[in-house]
Amino acid sequence: MRIYRFFLLSLSLIAVPNLIQAAGFKDDFSDPKLELRQALRGEWTYKDGVASCVSDPELYKQFANHGPILRWPVEFTNGTVECEFKPEGCQRVVITLNEDGHVFRISLTEEKNTRIFGWIGKSSKENKPETIAKDGVPSVDSIDGQWTRLRLTINGDTGVIQIGDYKATLKHGSLARRKGEFTISFAFGSCAVRNVSVKVK
């Protein structure tokens, strides 16, 4: 009987993280030590429902030109991703969906390079991403110092996206792939983030 109870308890402990991931998540940053969230490559602070960080040039070099990042594990194929962010003096803000490698990415940088792209198949040096959208995608300079809302609803290979005033319908095979992680990162300057959620269909 004791062995049976221990077996059931073990199953429940294994299942809890999977249930959280399968159901999506919401992070209002009320808990600075939320187990689901990873805050890396910088000193992230939490106040009034906002996570913020200043990029450290030394850490940027240490992490091979990668800036501060927030990461959440979440298993889904179709669903809605939402967050708000406020970059100040950033070179770029990058929002990514990963699985075994990168799947889908929004890279807001200088106007000529800002774009949305995705990978069909596992990302690698040989498997480069395909550009999904470029025209009209906001540059990081155009939203500097402003709270900007991102909303991406995915259904199969189709996504409806809003980044501030920019709205578009995207169609690409990467959107239909399974996703296992949602991340927000930036380089240089500082960035604040709030109201992060993934709703799974």
N, C-alpha and C. Protein backbone atom coordinates (compact mmCIF):
# COMPACT_ATOMS: atom_id res chain seq x y z
N MET A 1 0.82 -1.21 0.00
CA MET A 1 0.00 0.00 0.00
C MET A 1 0.86 1.26 0.00
N ARG A 2 1.93 1.22 0.83
CA ARG A 2 2.82 2.38 0.88
C ARG A 2 3.51 2.62 -0.46
N ILE A 3 3.90 1.52 -1.09
CA ILE A 3 4.56 1.63 -2.40
C ILE A 3 3.59 2.21 -3.42
N TYR A 4 2.32 1.78 -3.36
CA TYR A 4 1.30 2.27 -4.29
C TYR A 4 1.08 3.77 -4.10
N ARG A 5 0.99 4.19 -2.82
CA ARG A 5 0.80 5.61 -2.54
C ARG A 5 1.99 6.44 -3.03
N PHE A 6 3.18 5.91 -2.81
CA PHE A 6 4.38 6.60 -3.26
C PHE A 6 4.39 6.73 -4.79
N PHE A 7 3.92 5.66 -5.46
CA PHE A 7 3.85 5.67 -6.93
C PHE A 7 2.89 6.76 -7.41
N LEU A 8 1.72 6.85 -6.75
CA LEU A 8 0.74 7.87 -7.13
C LEU A 8 1.28 9.28 -6.89
N LEU A 9 1.96 9.46 -5.76
CA LEU A 9 2.54 10.77 -5.45
C LEU A 9 3.59 11.15 -6.48
N SER A 10 4.41 10.19 -6.87
CA SER A 10 5.45 10.45 -7.87
C SER A 10 4.84 10.88 -9.19
N LEU A 11 3.76 10.19 -9.58
CA LEU A 11 3.09 10.55 -10.83
C LEU A 11 2.54 11.96 -10.78
N SER A 12 1.96 12.33 -9.64
CA SER A 12 1.37 13.66 -9.50
C SER A 12 2.44 14.74 -9.58
N LEU A 13 3.60 14.49 -8.99
CA LEU A 13 4.68 15.48 -9.02
C LEU A 13 5.23 15.65 -10.42
N ILE A 14 5.28 14.55 -11.17
CA ILE A 14 5.74 14.63 -12.56
C ILE A 14 4.72 15.36 -13.41
N ALA A 15 3.44 15.14 -13.14
CA ALA A 15 2.38 15.67 -13.98
C ALA A 15 2.18 17.17 -13.82
N VAL A 16 2.44 17.74 -12.63
CA VAL A 16 2.14 19.14 -12.37
C VAL A 16 2.81 20.09 -13.36
N PRO A 17 4.15 20.00 -13.57
CA PRO A 17 4.75 20.90 -14.55
C PRO A 17 4.17 20.74 -15.94
N ASN A 18 3.86 19.50 -16.32
CA ASN A 18 3.30 19.27 -17.65
C ASN A 18 1.92 19.87 -17.79
N LEU A 19 1.12 19.82 -16.70
CA LEU A 19 -0.20 20.43 -16.73
C LEU A 19 -0.09 21.94 -16.87
N ILE A 20 0.87 22.53 -16.16
CA ILE A 20 1.08 23.97 -16.26
C ILE A 20 1.45 24.35 -17.69
N GLN A 21 2.36 23.60 -18.29
CA GLN A 21 2.80 23.90 -19.64
C GLN A 21 1.67 23.70 -20.64
N ALA A 22 0.92 22.61 -20.48
CA ALA A 22 -0.15 22.30 -21.42
C ALA A 22 -1.27 23.32 -21.36
N ALA A 23 -1.47 23.93 -20.20
CA ALA A 23 -2.55 24.90 -20.03
C ALA A 23 -2.11 26.31 -20.36
N GLY A 24 -0.85 26.50 -20.76
CA GLY A 24 -0.33 27.84 -20.96
C GLY A 24 0.06 28.45 -19.63
N PHE A 25 0.25 29.77 -19.61
CA PHE A 25 0.62 30.43 -18.37
C PHE A 25 0.33 31.92 -18.45
N LYS A 26 0.33 32.56 -17.29
CA LYS A 26 0.25 34.02 -17.19
C LYS A 26 1.25 34.46 -16.14
N ASP A 27 2.09 35.42 -16.48
CA ASP A 27 3.09 35.94 -15.54
C ASP A 27 2.88 37.44 -15.39
N ASP A 28 2.39 37.84 -14.21
CA ASP A 28 2.21 39.27 -13.93
C ASP A 28 3.35 39.82 -13.09
N PHE A 29 4.38 39.02 -12.88
CA PHE A 29 5.59 39.40 -12.16
C PHE A 29 5.33 39.79 -10.71
N SER A 30 4.21 39.32 -10.16
CA SER A 30 3.95 39.56 -8.74
C SER A 30 4.85 38.71 -7.86
N ASP A 31 5.33 37.59 -8.42
CA ASP A 31 6.25 36.71 -7.70
C ASP A 31 7.63 36.78 -8.37
N PRO A 32 8.60 37.47 -7.73
CA PRO A 32 9.92 37.60 -8.36
C PRO A 32 10.67 36.29 -8.49
N LYS A 33 10.22 35.27 -7.77
CA LYS A 33 10.91 33.98 -7.81
C LYS A 33 10.04 32.89 -8.43
N LEU A 34 9.15 33.28 -9.32
CA LEU A 34 8.28 32.32 -9.98
C LEU A 34 9.10 31.20 -10.60
N GLU A 35 8.80 29.97 -10.20
CA GLU A 35 9.60 28.82 -10.62
C GLU A 35 9.57 28.60 -12.13
N LEU A 36 8.45 28.96 -12.74
CA LEU A 36 8.28 28.74 -14.18
C LEU A 36 9.19 29.63 -15.03
N ARG A 37 9.57 30.79 -14.47
CA ARG A 37 10.31 31.80 -15.22
C ARG A 37 11.82 31.71 -14.99
N GLN A 38 12.58 31.88 -16.07
CA GLN A 38 14.02 32.05 -15.96
C GLN A 38 14.38 33.46 -16.39
N ALA A 39 15.10 34.18 -15.54
CA ALA A 39 15.57 35.54 -15.84
C ALA A 39 17.09 35.50 -15.84
N LEU A 40 17.69 35.64 -17.01
CA LEU A 40 19.11 35.36 -17.18
C LEU A 40 19.87 36.52 -17.83
N ARG A 41 21.18 36.44 -17.76
CA ARG A 41 22.12 37.33 -18.44
C ARG A 41 21.95 38.79 -18.04
N GLY A 42 21.62 39.03 -16.77
CA GLY A 42 21.48 40.39 -16.26
C GLY A 42 20.74 40.39 -14.94
N GLU A 43 20.70 41.54 -14.29
CA GLU A 43 20.03 41.67 -12.99
C GLU A 43 18.60 42.18 -13.21
N TRP A 44 17.67 41.26 -13.24
CA TRP A 44 16.27 41.61 -13.44
C TRP A 44 15.65 42.03 -12.11
N THR A 45 14.85 43.10 -12.14
CA THR A 45 14.15 43.57 -10.95
C THR A 45 12.65 43.55 -11.22
N TYR A 46 11.86 43.48 -10.15
CA TYR A 46 10.41 43.34 -10.27
C TYR A 46 9.72 44.35 -9.35
N LYS A 47 8.84 45.15 -9.95
CA LYS A 47 8.11 46.15 -9.16
C LYS A 47 6.81 46.51 -9.86
N ASP A 48 5.72 46.51 -9.12
CA ASP A 48 4.41 46.92 -9.64
C ASP A 48 4.02 46.18 -10.92
N GLY A 49 4.29 44.88 -10.94
CA GLY A 49 3.90 44.07 -12.09
C GLY A 49 4.77 44.23 -13.31
N VAL A 50 5.95 44.77 -13.14
CA VAL A 50 6.87 45.00 -14.27
C VAL A 50 8.22 44.36 -13.96
N ALA A 51 8.76 43.64 -14.93
CA ALA A 51 10.13 43.13 -14.86
C ALA A 51 11.01 44.03 -15.72
N SER A 52 12.15 44.44 -15.19
CA SER A 52 13.02 45.33 -15.96
C SER A 52 14.48 44.98 -15.73
N CYS A 53 15.31 45.35 -16.70
CA CYS A 53 16.73 45.03 -16.63
C CYS A 53 17.51 46.04 -17.46
N VAL A 54 18.72 46.33 -17.01
CA VAL A 54 19.66 47.16 -17.77
C VAL A 54 20.74 46.24 -18.32
N SER A 55 21.00 46.34 -19.60
CA SER A 55 22.01 45.49 -20.23
C SER A 55 23.41 45.85 -19.73
N ASP A 56 24.17 44.85 -19.33
CA ASP A 56 25.54 45.02 -18.85
C ASP A 56 26.50 44.69 -19.99
N PRO A 57 27.31 45.66 -20.46
CA PRO A 57 28.21 45.40 -21.59
C PRO A 57 29.17 44.23 -21.36
N GLU A 58 29.62 44.06 -20.12
CA GLU A 58 30.54 42.96 -19.84
C GLU A 58 29.84 41.60 -19.95
N LEU A 59 28.61 41.53 -19.42
CA LEU A 59 27.85 40.29 -19.54
C LEU A 59 27.50 40.01 -21.00
N TYR A 60 27.24 41.07 -21.75
CA TYR A 60 26.93 40.92 -23.17
C TYR A 60 28.08 40.22 -23.89
N LYS A 61 29.30 40.64 -23.59
CA LYS A 61 30.48 39.99 -24.19
C LYS A 61 30.63 38.56 -23.67
N GLN A 62 30.40 38.40 -22.37
CA GLN A 62 30.57 37.08 -21.75
C GLN A 62 29.64 36.05 -22.37
N PHE A 63 28.42 36.49 -22.72
CA PHE A 63 27.44 35.57 -23.30
C PHE A 63 27.41 35.66 -24.83
N ALA A 64 28.57 35.91 -25.42
CA ALA A 64 28.73 35.87 -26.88
C ALA A 64 27.74 36.77 -27.61
N ASN A 65 27.68 38.04 -27.17
CA ASN A 65 26.82 39.05 -27.79
C ASN A 65 25.33 38.72 -27.68
N HIS A 66 24.95 38.18 -26.53
CA HIS A 66 23.54 37.95 -26.21
C HIS A 66 23.19 38.73 -24.95
N GLY A 67 22.10 39.49 -25.00
CA GLY A 67 21.70 40.33 -23.88
C GLY A 67 20.76 39.64 -22.91
N PRO A 68 20.23 40.38 -21.94
CA PRO A 68 19.31 39.83 -20.93
C PRO A 68 18.11 39.13 -21.57
N ILE A 69 17.63 38.09 -20.88
CA ILE A 69 16.54 37.28 -21.45
C ILE A 69 15.60 36.78 -20.36
N LEU A 70 14.32 36.73 -20.69
CA LEU A 70 13.29 36.07 -19.88
C LEU A 70 12.81 34.86 -20.66
N ARG A 71 12.67 33.71 -19.95
CA ARG A 71 12.28 32.47 -20.62
C ARG A 71 11.18 31.76 -19.83
N TRP A 72 10.21 31.21 -20.57
CA TRP A 72 9.14 30.42 -19.95
C TRP A 72 8.94 29.14 -20.76
N PRO A 73 8.95 27.97 -20.13
CA PRO A 73 8.60 26.74 -20.85
C PRO A 73 7.10 26.68 -21.05
N VAL A 74 6.67 26.35 -22.25
CA VAL A 74 5.23 26.20 -22.51
C VAL A 74 5.05 25.34 -23.76
N GLU A 75 4.33 24.24 -23.61
CA GLU A 75 4.12 23.30 -24.71
C GLU A 75 2.83 23.65 -25.44
N PHE A 76 2.93 23.99 -26.73
CA PHE A 76 1.72 24.26 -27.49
C PHE A 76 2.01 24.25 -28.99
N THR A 77 0.95 24.13 -29.76
CA THR A 77 1.02 24.29 -31.20
C THR A 77 0.19 25.49 -31.62
N ASN A 78 -1.10 25.49 -31.23
CA ASN A 78 -1.98 26.62 -31.52
C ASN A 78 -2.27 27.37 -30.22
N GLY A 79 -2.37 28.68 -30.32
CA GLY A 79 -2.66 29.46 -29.13
C GLY A 79 -2.39 30.94 -29.36
N THR A 80 -2.42 31.71 -28.26
CA THR A 80 -2.22 33.16 -28.32
C THR A 80 -1.12 33.57 -27.35
N VAL A 81 -0.15 34.29 -27.88
CA VAL A 81 0.97 34.82 -27.09
C VAL A 81 0.76 36.32 -26.94
N GLU A 82 0.89 36.82 -25.71
CA GLU A 82 0.73 38.25 -25.47
C GLU A 82 1.78 38.75 -24.49
N CYS A 83 2.23 39.98 -24.69
CA CYS A 83 3.10 40.65 -23.73
C CYS A 83 3.15 42.14 -24.09
N GLU A 84 3.64 42.92 -23.14
CA GLU A 84 3.92 44.33 -23.38
C GLU A 84 5.37 44.58 -22.99
N PHE A 85 6.05 45.42 -23.76
CA PHE A 85 7.45 45.70 -23.46
C PHE A 85 7.77 47.16 -23.78
N LYS A 86 8.75 47.70 -23.07
CA LYS A 86 9.16 49.09 -23.28
C LYS A 86 10.68 49.15 -23.38
N PRO A 87 11.22 49.23 -24.60
CA PRO A 87 12.67 49.33 -24.78
C PRO A 87 13.13 50.78 -24.65
N GLU A 88 14.29 50.97 -24.07
CA GLU A 88 14.88 52.31 -23.98
C GLU A 88 16.36 52.21 -24.33
N GLY A 89 16.71 52.80 -25.46
CA GLY A 89 18.10 52.77 -25.91
C GLY A 89 18.59 51.40 -26.34
N CYS A 90 17.67 50.53 -26.74
CA CYS A 90 18.05 49.16 -27.13
C CYS A 90 18.53 49.12 -28.58
N GLN A 91 19.45 48.23 -28.83
CA GLN A 91 19.86 47.95 -30.21
C GLN A 91 18.87 47.02 -30.88
N ARG A 92 18.29 46.11 -30.08
CA ARG A 92 17.29 45.20 -30.61
C ARG A 92 16.47 44.59 -29.47
N VAL A 93 15.25 44.19 -29.81
CA VAL A 93 14.39 43.38 -28.94
C VAL A 93 14.00 42.15 -29.75
N VAL A 94 14.17 40.98 -29.16
CA VAL A 94 13.94 39.73 -29.89
C VAL A 94 12.96 38.86 -29.11
N ILE A 95 11.89 38.45 -29.77
CA ILE A 95 10.87 37.60 -29.16
C ILE A 95 10.84 36.30 -29.95
N THR A 96 11.00 35.17 -29.24
CA THR A 96 11.23 33.90 -29.92
C THR A 96 10.37 32.78 -29.35
N LEU A 97 9.92 31.91 -30.23
CA LEU A 97 9.31 30.63 -29.86
C LEU A 97 10.30 29.54 -30.24
N ASN A 98 10.65 28.70 -29.27
CA ASN A 98 11.63 27.64 -29.48
C ASN A 98 11.00 26.27 -29.30
N GLU A 99 11.69 25.26 -29.79
CA GLU A 99 11.41 23.86 -29.48
C GLU A 99 12.76 23.18 -29.41
N ASP A 100 13.07 22.34 -30.36
CA ASP A 100 14.42 21.81 -30.48
C ASP A 100 15.16 22.75 -31.42
N GLY A 101 15.63 23.86 -30.88
CA GLY A 101 16.13 24.97 -31.69
C GLY A 101 15.05 26.02 -31.86
N HIS A 102 15.34 27.05 -32.64
CA HIS A 102 14.39 28.13 -32.86
C HIS A 102 13.29 27.70 -33.83
N VAL A 103 12.09 28.24 -33.60
CA VAL A 103 10.95 27.95 -34.47
C VAL A 103 10.47 29.22 -35.18
N PHE A 104 10.24 30.29 -34.40
CA PHE A 104 9.64 31.52 -34.91
C PHE A 104 10.24 32.69 -34.14
N ARG A 105 10.54 33.78 -34.85
CA ARG A 105 11.19 34.90 -34.17
C ARG A 105 10.74 36.25 -34.72
N ILE A 106 10.59 37.20 -33.80
CA ILE A 106 10.35 38.60 -34.13
C ILE A 106 11.60 39.36 -33.71
N SER A 107 12.27 39.99 -34.65
CA SER A 107 13.50 40.73 -34.35
C SER A 107 13.28 42.20 -34.69
N LEU A 108 13.13 43.01 -33.65
CA LEU A 108 12.93 44.45 -33.81
C LEU A 108 14.28 45.13 -33.62
N THR A 109 14.83 45.65 -34.69
CA THR A 109 16.15 46.27 -34.65
C THR A 109 16.09 47.54 -35.50
N GLU A 110 17.20 47.94 -36.12
CA GLU A 110 17.14 49.13 -36.97
C GLU A 110 16.23 48.84 -38.16
N GLU A 111 15.70 49.90 -38.75
CA GLU A 111 14.61 49.77 -39.72
C GLU A 111 14.93 48.82 -40.87
N LYS A 112 16.14 48.84 -41.38
CA LYS A 112 16.44 48.02 -42.56
C LYS A 112 16.52 46.53 -42.25
N ASN A 113 16.72 46.19 -40.99
CA ASN A 113 16.88 44.77 -40.63
C ASN A 113 15.74 44.21 -39.77
N THR A 114 14.84 45.05 -39.30
CA THR A 114 13.75 44.55 -38.47
C THR A 114 12.84 43.64 -39.29
N ARG A 115 12.46 42.50 -38.72
CA ARG A 115 11.68 41.53 -39.51
C ARG A 115 11.12 40.43 -38.62
N ILE A 116 10.26 39.62 -39.23
CA ILE A 116 9.69 38.43 -38.60
C ILE A 116 10.12 37.24 -39.46
N PHE A 117 10.63 36.19 -38.83
CA PHE A 117 11.09 35.05 -39.62
C PHE A 117 10.86 33.74 -38.88
N GLY A 118 11.00 32.64 -39.61
CA GLY A 118 10.74 31.33 -39.02
C GLY A 118 11.55 30.24 -39.70
N TRP A 119 11.60 29.11 -39.01
CA TRP A 119 12.36 27.96 -39.50
C TRP A 119 11.41 26.79 -39.80
N ILE A 120 11.53 26.21 -40.97
CA ILE A 120 10.84 24.96 -41.27
C ILE A 120 11.86 23.84 -41.05
N GLY A 121 11.68 23.08 -40.03
CA GLY A 121 12.68 22.11 -39.63
C GLY A 121 13.62 22.71 -38.60
N LYS A 122 14.44 21.88 -37.99
CA LYS A 122 15.32 22.30 -36.90
C LYS A 122 16.29 23.38 -37.36
N SER A 123 16.40 24.45 -36.57
CA SER A 123 17.33 25.53 -36.91
C SER A 123 18.77 25.05 -36.75
N SER A 124 19.62 25.52 -37.64
CA SER A 124 21.04 25.16 -37.60
C SER A 124 21.80 26.11 -38.51
N LYS A 125 23.11 25.96 -38.55
CA LYS A 125 23.91 26.78 -39.45
C LYS A 125 23.55 26.51 -40.91
N GLU A 126 23.13 25.27 -41.17
CA GLU A 126 22.75 24.89 -42.54
C GLU A 126 21.30 25.27 -42.85
N ASN A 127 20.45 25.23 -41.84
CA ASN A 127 19.03 25.52 -42.04
C ASN A 127 18.73 26.94 -41.58
N LYS A 128 18.86 27.89 -42.49
CA LYS A 128 18.66 29.30 -42.18
C LYS A 128 17.17 29.63 -42.13
N PRO A 129 16.79 30.68 -41.39
CA PRO A 129 15.38 31.05 -41.31
C PRO A 129 14.90 31.71 -42.60
N GLU A 130 13.59 31.65 -42.81
CA GLU A 130 12.96 32.32 -43.94
C GLU A 130 12.23 33.56 -43.43
N THR A 131 12.39 34.68 -44.13
CA THR A 131 11.69 35.90 -43.75
C THR A 131 10.20 35.75 -44.05
N ILE A 132 9.37 36.04 -43.04
CA ILE A 132 7.92 35.95 -43.19
C ILE A 132 7.32 37.32 -43.46
N ALA A 133 7.82 38.34 -42.76
CA ALA A 133 7.32 39.71 -42.93
C ALA A 133 8.43 40.69 -42.62
N LYS A 134 8.43 41.80 -43.35
CA LYS A 134 9.44 42.84 -43.16
C LYS A 134 8.84 44.23 -43.27
N ASP A 135 8.12 44.49 -44.36
CA ASP A 135 7.54 45.81 -44.58
C ASP A 135 6.54 46.16 -43.48
N GLY A 136 6.74 47.30 -42.86
CA GLY A 136 5.81 47.77 -41.84
C GLY A 136 6.10 47.30 -40.43
N VAL A 137 6.93 46.26 -40.29
CA VAL A 137 7.27 45.78 -38.95
C VAL A 137 8.04 46.89 -38.24
N PRO A 138 7.63 47.30 -37.04
CA PRO A 138 8.25 48.46 -36.40
C PRO A 138 9.72 48.24 -36.05
N SER A 139 10.52 49.28 -36.24
CA SER A 139 11.91 49.23 -35.80
C SER A 139 11.95 49.49 -34.30
N VAL A 140 13.04 49.11 -33.66
CA VAL A 140 13.15 49.32 -32.22
C VAL A 140 13.20 50.81 -31.90
N ASP A 141 13.75 51.62 -32.81
CA ASP A 141 13.81 53.07 -32.58
C ASP A 141 12.42 53.70 -32.56
N SER A 142 11.53 53.18 -33.40
CA SER A 142 10.20 53.79 -33.52
C SER A 142 9.33 53.57 -32.29
N ILE A 143 9.70 52.61 -31.44
CA ILE A 143 8.91 52.35 -30.23
C ILE A 143 9.72 52.63 -28.97
N ASP A 144 10.85 53.30 -29.12
CA ASP A 144 11.72 53.58 -27.97
C ASP A 144 10.97 54.39 -26.91
N GLY A 145 11.04 53.92 -25.67
CA GLY A 145 10.41 54.62 -24.56
C GLY A 145 8.90 54.46 -24.48
N GLN A 146 8.32 53.61 -25.33
CA GLN A 146 6.87 53.42 -25.36
C GLN A 146 6.51 51.99 -24.94
N TRP A 147 5.45 51.86 -24.17
CA TRP A 147 4.90 50.53 -23.92
C TRP A 147 4.27 50.03 -25.22
N THR A 148 4.71 48.89 -25.69
CA THR A 148 4.24 48.33 -26.96
C THR A 148 3.65 46.95 -26.71
N ARG A 149 2.45 46.73 -27.20
CA ARG A 149 1.76 45.46 -26.98
C ARG A 149 2.00 44.52 -28.16
N LEU A 150 2.37 43.29 -27.83
CA LEU A 150 2.47 42.22 -28.83
C LEU A 150 1.37 41.21 -28.58
N ARG A 151 0.68 40.85 -29.65
CA ARG A 151 -0.31 39.77 -29.59
C ARG A 151 -0.16 38.93 -30.85
N LEU A 152 0.03 37.65 -30.67
CA LEU A 152 0.17 36.72 -31.80
C LEU A 152 -0.75 35.53 -31.56
N THR A 153 -1.72 35.36 -32.46
CA THR A 153 -2.63 34.22 -32.39
C THR A 153 -2.29 33.25 -33.51
N ILE A 154 -2.00 32.01 -33.14
CA ILE A 154 -1.55 31.00 -34.11
C ILE A 154 -2.60 29.91 -34.26
N ASN A 155 -2.93 29.61 -35.50
CA ASN A 155 -3.84 28.50 -35.82
C ASN A 155 -3.29 27.80 -37.06
N GLY A 156 -2.67 26.65 -36.85
CA GLY A 156 -2.03 25.96 -37.97
C GLY A 156 -0.86 26.78 -38.48
N ASP A 157 -0.79 26.94 -39.81
CA ASP A 157 0.32 27.70 -40.39
C ASP A 157 0.00 29.18 -40.56
N THR A 158 -1.06 29.64 -39.89
CA THR A 158 -1.49 31.03 -40.00
C THR A 158 -1.39 31.74 -38.66
N GLY A 159 -0.88 32.95 -38.67
CA GLY A 159 -0.79 33.75 -37.46
C GLY A 159 -1.32 35.15 -37.69
N VAL A 160 -2.07 35.66 -36.74
CA VAL A 160 -2.52 37.05 -36.77
C VAL A 160 -1.71 37.79 -35.72
N ILE A 161 -0.95 38.79 -36.15
CA ILE A 161 -0.02 39.46 -35.25
C ILE A 161 -0.31 40.95 -35.13
N GLN A 162 -0.09 41.47 -33.95
CA GLN A 162 -0.17 42.91 -33.70
C GLN A 162 1.04 43.29 -32.85
N ILE A 163 1.80 44.28 -33.32
CA ILE A 163 2.91 44.85 -32.56
C ILE A 163 2.69 46.35 -32.56
N GLY A 164 2.17 46.89 -31.47
CA GLY A 164 1.79 48.30 -31.47
C GLY A 164 0.72 48.55 -32.51
N ASP A 165 0.98 49.48 -33.44
CA ASP A 165 0.01 49.80 -34.49
C ASP A 165 0.12 48.87 -35.70
N TYR A 166 1.14 48.06 -35.73
CA TYR A 166 1.35 47.14 -36.86
C TYR A 166 0.45 45.92 -36.70
N LYS A 167 -0.29 45.59 -37.76
CA LYS A 167 -1.15 44.41 -37.77
C LYS A 167 -0.96 43.67 -39.09
N ALA A 168 -0.92 42.35 -39.02
CA ALA A 168 -0.74 41.56 -40.24
C ALA A 168 -1.21 40.14 -40.02
N THR A 169 -1.56 39.48 -41.12
CA THR A 169 -1.82 38.05 -41.11
C THR A 169 -0.63 37.36 -41.76
N LEU A 170 -0.04 36.42 -41.04
CA LEU A 170 1.16 35.72 -41.50
C LEU A 170 0.80 34.29 -41.89
N LYS A 171 1.50 33.78 -42.87
CA LYS A 171 1.29 32.38 -43.27
C LYS A 171 2.66 31.76 -43.52
N HIS A 172 3.00 30.74 -42.71
CA HIS A 172 4.32 30.11 -42.85
C HIS A 172 4.32 28.78 -42.11
N GLY A 173 5.04 27.82 -42.63
CA GLY A 173 5.09 26.49 -42.03
C GLY A 173 5.63 26.46 -40.61
N SER A 174 6.47 27.42 -40.25
CA SER A 174 7.03 27.44 -38.89
C SER A 174 5.95 27.62 -37.84
N LEU A 175 4.90 28.35 -38.19
CA LEU A 175 3.82 28.61 -37.23
C LEU A 175 3.10 27.33 -36.83
N ALA A 176 3.05 26.36 -37.72
CA ALA A 176 2.34 25.11 -37.45
C ALA A 176 3.17 24.13 -36.63
N ARG A 177 4.44 24.44 -36.41
CA ARG A 177 5.31 23.54 -35.66
C ARG A 177 5.00 23.60 -34.16
N ARG A 178 5.37 22.55 -33.45
CA ARG A 178 5.20 22.51 -32.00
C ARG A 178 6.20 23.47 -31.36
N LYS A 179 5.74 24.17 -30.31
CA LYS A 179 6.61 25.08 -29.58
C LYS A 179 6.76 24.61 -28.14
N GLY A 180 7.92 24.88 -27.55
CA GLY A 180 8.17 24.43 -26.18
C GLY A 180 8.68 25.51 -25.26
N GLU A 181 8.89 26.72 -25.80
CA GLU A 181 9.43 27.80 -24.97
C GLU A 181 9.13 29.15 -25.60
N PHE A 182 8.87 30.15 -24.73
CA PHE A 182 8.65 31.53 -25.15
C PHE A 182 9.72 32.39 -24.49
N THR A 183 10.40 33.24 -25.27
CA THR A 183 11.45 34.07 -24.70
C THR A 183 11.35 35.52 -25.19
N ILE A 184 11.83 36.43 -24.34
CA ILE A 184 11.98 37.85 -24.68
C ILE A 184 13.40 38.25 -24.30
N SER A 185 14.13 38.81 -25.25
CA SER A 185 15.49 39.25 -24.94
C SER A 185 15.75 40.60 -25.61
N PHE A 186 16.82 41.25 -25.17
CA PHE A 186 17.19 42.53 -25.76
C PHE A 186 18.69 42.74 -25.64
N ALA A 187 19.20 43.71 -26.39
CA ALA A 187 20.62 44.04 -26.35
C ALA A 187 20.80 45.54 -26.18
N PHE A 188 21.67 45.93 -25.27
CA PHE A 188 22.00 47.31 -24.97
C PHE A 188 20.80 48.06 -24.37
N GLY A 189 21.08 49.16 -23.69
CA GLY A 189 20.02 49.94 -23.08
C GLY A 189 19.31 49.18 -21.98
N SER A 190 18.01 49.41 -21.86
CA SER A 190 17.20 48.73 -20.85
C SER A 190 15.86 48.36 -21.45
N CYS A 191 15.19 47.41 -20.81
CA CYS A 191 13.88 46.99 -21.30
C CYS A 191 13.01 46.59 -20.11
N ALA A 192 11.75 46.99 -20.18
CA ALA A 192 10.76 46.60 -19.18
C ALA A 192 9.72 45.72 -19.85
N VAL A 193 9.19 44.76 -19.10
CA VAL A 193 8.23 43.78 -19.64
C VAL A 193 7.09 43.61 -18.65
N ARG A 194 5.86 43.45 -19.15
CA ARG A 194 4.72 43.20 -18.26
C ARG A 194 3.66 42.40 -19.01
N ASN A 195 2.72 41.85 -18.23
CA ASN A 195 1.52 41.18 -18.77
C ASN A 195 1.86 40.11 -19.82
N VAL A 196 2.68 39.16 -19.42
CA VAL A 196 3.08 38.08 -20.32
C VAL A 196 2.13 36.89 -20.16
N SER A 197 1.66 36.35 -21.26
CA SER A 197 0.79 35.17 -21.18
C SER A 197 0.84 34.37 -22.47
N VAL A 198 0.60 33.07 -22.33
CA VAL A 198 0.38 32.19 -23.48
C VAL A 198 -0.87 31.39 -23.19
N LYS A 199 -1.87 31.52 -24.05
CA LYS A 199 -3.11 30.75 -23.93
C LYS A 199 -3.10 29.66 -24.99
N VAL A 200 -3.25 28.44 -24.55
CA VAL A 200 -3.16 27.29 -25.45
C VAL A 200 -4.55 26.88 -25.91
N LYS A 201 -4.69 26.61 -27.21
CA LYS A 201 -5.97 26.14 -27.74
C LYS A 201 -6.04 24.62 -27.66
